[in-house]
Amino acid sequence: MSPNGLMRKSFKDRTFSKLGKGSLRGSIFALCASAIGSGVLSLPYVFGLCGWGLGFIFMCTGACAAEISLRMLAHLAVKHKMPNYSKIAILAGG
């Protein structure tokens, strides 16, 4: 018991209980997801579903696709002398 007479939740209950609206854990998860990116946070889940071999192939494929698309955007920016990302995105089609 805590000094004020209330029962404290165990570590397991605090860590693995359902996330409620406005909860501290939910807020921390949302902050991490926006700062790190939900893709990075979902990597262990994808590796668990697909296995290490296929997960690694998917990760390398995504890295190659990101490299190609960033090079295309950089080429458009230099060729058309675009000053910022919003103008590059509009020029690229969207």
C-alpha atoms as a PDB file:
ATOM      1  CA  MET A   1       0.000   0.000   0.000  1.00  0.00           C
ATOM      2  CA  SER A   2       1.065   3.552  -0.648  1.00  0.00           C
ATOM      3  CA  PRO A   3       1.184   6.136   2.172  1.00  0.00           C
ATOM      4  CA  ASN A   4      -2.273   7.485   1.282  1.00  0.00           C
ATOM      5  CA  GLY A   5      -3.881   4.028   1.568  1.00  0.00           C
ATOM      6  CA  LEU A   6      -4.390   3.369  -2.159  1.00  0.00           C
ATOM      7  CA  MET A   7      -3.208   0.223  -3.910  1.00  0.00           C
ATOM      8  CA  ARG A   8      -0.520   0.758  -6.536  1.00  0.00           C
ATOM      9  CA  LYS A   9      -0.778  -1.038  -9.868  1.00  0.00           C
ATOM     10  CA  SER A  10       1.943  -3.553 -10.627  1.00  0.00           C
ATOM     11  CA  PHE A  11       4.486  -2.948 -13.381  1.00  0.00           C
ATOM     12  CA  LYS A  12       2.697  -5.480 -15.590  1.00  0.00           C
ATOM     13  CA  ASP A  13      -0.674  -3.750 -15.115  1.00  0.00           C
ATOM     14  CA  ARG A  14       0.771  -0.311 -15.826  1.00  0.00           C
ATOM     15  CA  THR A  15       2.762  -1.427 -18.864  1.00  0.00           C
ATOM     16  CA  PHE A  16       0.395  -3.790 -20.658  1.00  0.00           C
ATOM     17  CA  SER A  17      -3.037  -2.412 -19.814  1.00  0.00           C
ATOM     18  CA  LYS A  18      -5.283  -0.903 -22.487  1.00  0.00           C
ATOM     19  CA  LEU A  19      -4.411   2.627 -23.621  1.00  0.00           C
ATOM     20  CA  GLY A  20      -7.181   5.014 -22.623  1.00  0.00           C
ATOM     21  CA  LYS A  21      -8.057   8.360 -24.193  1.00  0.00           C
ATOM     22  CA  GLY A  22      -5.797  11.062 -22.815  1.00  0.00           C
ATOM     23  CA  SER A  23      -3.646   8.575 -20.901  1.00  0.00           C
ATOM     24  CA  LEU A  24      -0.022   9.329 -20.152  1.00  0.00           C
ATOM     25  CA  ARG A  25       1.188   6.209 -21.975  1.00  0.00           C
ATOM     26  CA  GLY A  26      -0.938   7.093 -25.000  1.00  0.00           C
ATOM     27  CA  SER A  27       0.506  10.598 -25.072  1.00  0.00           C
ATOM     28  CA  ILE A  28       4.058   9.275 -24.814  1.00  0.00           C
ATOM     29  CA  PHE A  29       3.432   6.788 -27.630  1.00  0.00           C
ATOM     30  CA  ALA A  30       1.917   9.521 -29.868  1.00  0.00           C
ATOM     31  CA  LEU A  31       4.892  11.793 -29.196  1.00  0.00           C
ATOM     32  CA  CYS A  32       7.366   9.007 -30.016  1.00  0.00           C
ATOM     33  CA  ALA A  33       5.424   8.071 -33.149  1.00  0.00           C
ATOM     34  CA  SER A  34       5.531  11.632 -34.431  1.00  0.00           C
ATOM     35  CA  ALA A  35       9.189  12.187 -33.506  1.00  0.00           C
ATOM     36  CA  ILE A  36      10.623   8.847 -34.620  1.00  0.00           C
ATOM     37  CA  GLY A  37       8.071   7.822 -37.189  1.00  0.00           C
ATOM     38  CA  SER A  38       5.579   5.037 -37.012  1.00  0.00           C
ATOM     39  CA  GLY A  39       7.544   3.082 -39.626  1.00  0.00           C
ATOM     40  CA  VAL A  40      10.504   2.703 -37.297  1.00  0.00           C
ATOM     41  CA  LEU A  41       8.237   1.752 -34.413  1.00  0.00           C
ATOM     42  CA  SER A  42       6.544  -0.961 -36.488  1.00  0.00           C
ATOM     43  CA  LEU A  43       9.795  -2.634 -37.635  1.00  0.00           C
ATOM     44  CA  PRO A  44       9.887  -5.244 -34.842  1.00  0.00           C
ATOM     45  CA  TYR A  45       6.257  -6.164 -35.550  1.00  0.00           C
ATOM     46  CA  VAL A  46       6.929  -6.613 -39.284  1.00  0.00           C
ATOM     47  CA  PHE A  47      10.055  -8.652 -38.604  1.00  0.00           C
ATOM     48  CA  GLY A  48       8.004 -10.834 -36.263  1.00  0.00           C
ATOM     49  CA  LEU A  49       5.334 -11.406 -38.909  1.00  0.00           C
ATOM     50  CA  CYS A  50       7.603 -11.951 -41.920  1.00  0.00           C
ATOM     51  CA  GLY A  51      10.730 -13.392 -40.352  1.00  0.00           C
ATOM     52  CA  TRP A  52      14.238 -11.998 -40.375  1.00  0.00           C
ATOM     53  CA  GLY A  53      15.106 -12.861 -43.991  1.00  0.00           C
ATOM     54  CA  LEU A  54      12.018 -11.443 -45.664  1.00  0.00           C
ATOM     55  CA  GLY A  55      11.915  -8.501 -43.237  1.00  0.00           C
ATOM     56  CA  PHE A  56      15.491  -7.594 -44.160  1.00  0.00           C
ATOM     57  CA  ILE A  57      14.634  -7.790 -47.875  1.00  0.00           C
ATOM     58  CA  PHE A  58      11.615  -5.507 -47.335  1.00  0.00           C
ATOM     59  CA  MET A  59      13.747  -3.041 -45.381  1.00  0.00           C
ATOM     60  CA  CYS A  60      16.421  -2.938 -48.107  1.00  0.00           C
ATOM     61  CA  THR A  61      13.753  -2.530 -50.815  1.00  0.00           C
ATOM     62  CA  GLY A  62      12.248   0.413 -48.912  1.00  0.00           C
ATOM     63  CA  ALA A  63      15.676   2.004 -48.471  1.00  0.00           C
ATOM     64  CA  CYS A  64      16.400   1.705 -52.214  1.00  0.00           C
ATOM     65  CA  ALA A  65      12.992   3.176 -53.113  1.00  0.00           C
ATOM     66  CA  ALA A  66      13.565   6.098 -50.728  1.00  0.00           C
ATOM     67  CA  GLU A  67      17.021   6.733 -52.215  1.00  0.00           C
ATOM     68  CA  ILE A  68      15.675   6.739 -55.784  1.00  0.00           C
ATOM     69  CA  SER A  69      12.742   9.030 -54.977  1.00  0.00           C
ATOM     70  CA  LEU A  70      14.948  11.488 -53.056  1.00  0.00           C
ATOM     71  CA  ARG A  71      17.402  11.619 -55.950  1.00  0.00           C
ATOM     72  CA  MET A  72      14.507  12.313 -58.342  1.00  0.00           C
ATOM     73  CA  LEU A  73      13.261  15.159 -56.133  1.00  0.00           C
ATOM     74  CA  ALA A  74      16.770  16.613 -55.812  1.00  0.00           C
ATOM     75  CA  HIS A  75      17.195  16.445 -59.594  1.00  0.00           C
ATOM     76  CA  LEU A  76      13.891  18.292 -60.090  1.00  0.00           C
ATOM     77  CA  ALA A  77      14.902  20.939 -57.540  1.00  0.00           C
ATOM     78  CA  VAL A  78      18.214  21.664 -59.247  1.00  0.00           C
ATOM     79  CA  LYS A  79      16.837  21.510 -62.795  1.00  0.00           C
ATOM     80  CA  HIS A  80      13.930  23.873 -62.129  1.00  0.00           C
ATOM     81  CA  LYS A  81      15.651  25.960 -59.407  1.00  0.00           C
ATOM     82  CA  MET A  82      12.967  25.289 -56.794  1.00  0.00           C
ATOM     83  CA  PRO A  83      13.675  27.022 -53.440  1.00  0.00           C
ATOM     84  CA  ASN A  84      11.665  24.806 -51.057  1.00  0.00           C
ATOM     85  CA  TYR A  85      10.115  21.388 -50.650  1.00  0.00           C
ATOM     86  CA  SER A  86       6.494  22.453 -51.169  1.00  0.00           C
ATOM     87  CA  LYS A  87       7.272  23.787 -54.663  1.00  0.00           C
ATOM     88  CA  ILE A  88       9.245  20.644 -55.480  1.00  0.00           C
ATOM     89  CA  ALA A  89       6.317  18.453 -54.416  1.00  0.00           C
ATOM     90  CA  ILE A  90       3.889  20.486 -56.545  1.00  0.00           C
ATOM     91  CA  LEU A  91       6.238  20.198 -59.534  1.00  0.00           C
ATOM     92  CA  ALA A  92       6.631  16.451 -58.960  1.00  0.00           C
ATOM     93  CA  GLY A  93       2.898  15.923 -59.181  1.00  0.00           C
ATOM     94  CA  GLY A  94       1.290  16.582 -55.959  1.00  0.00           C
END
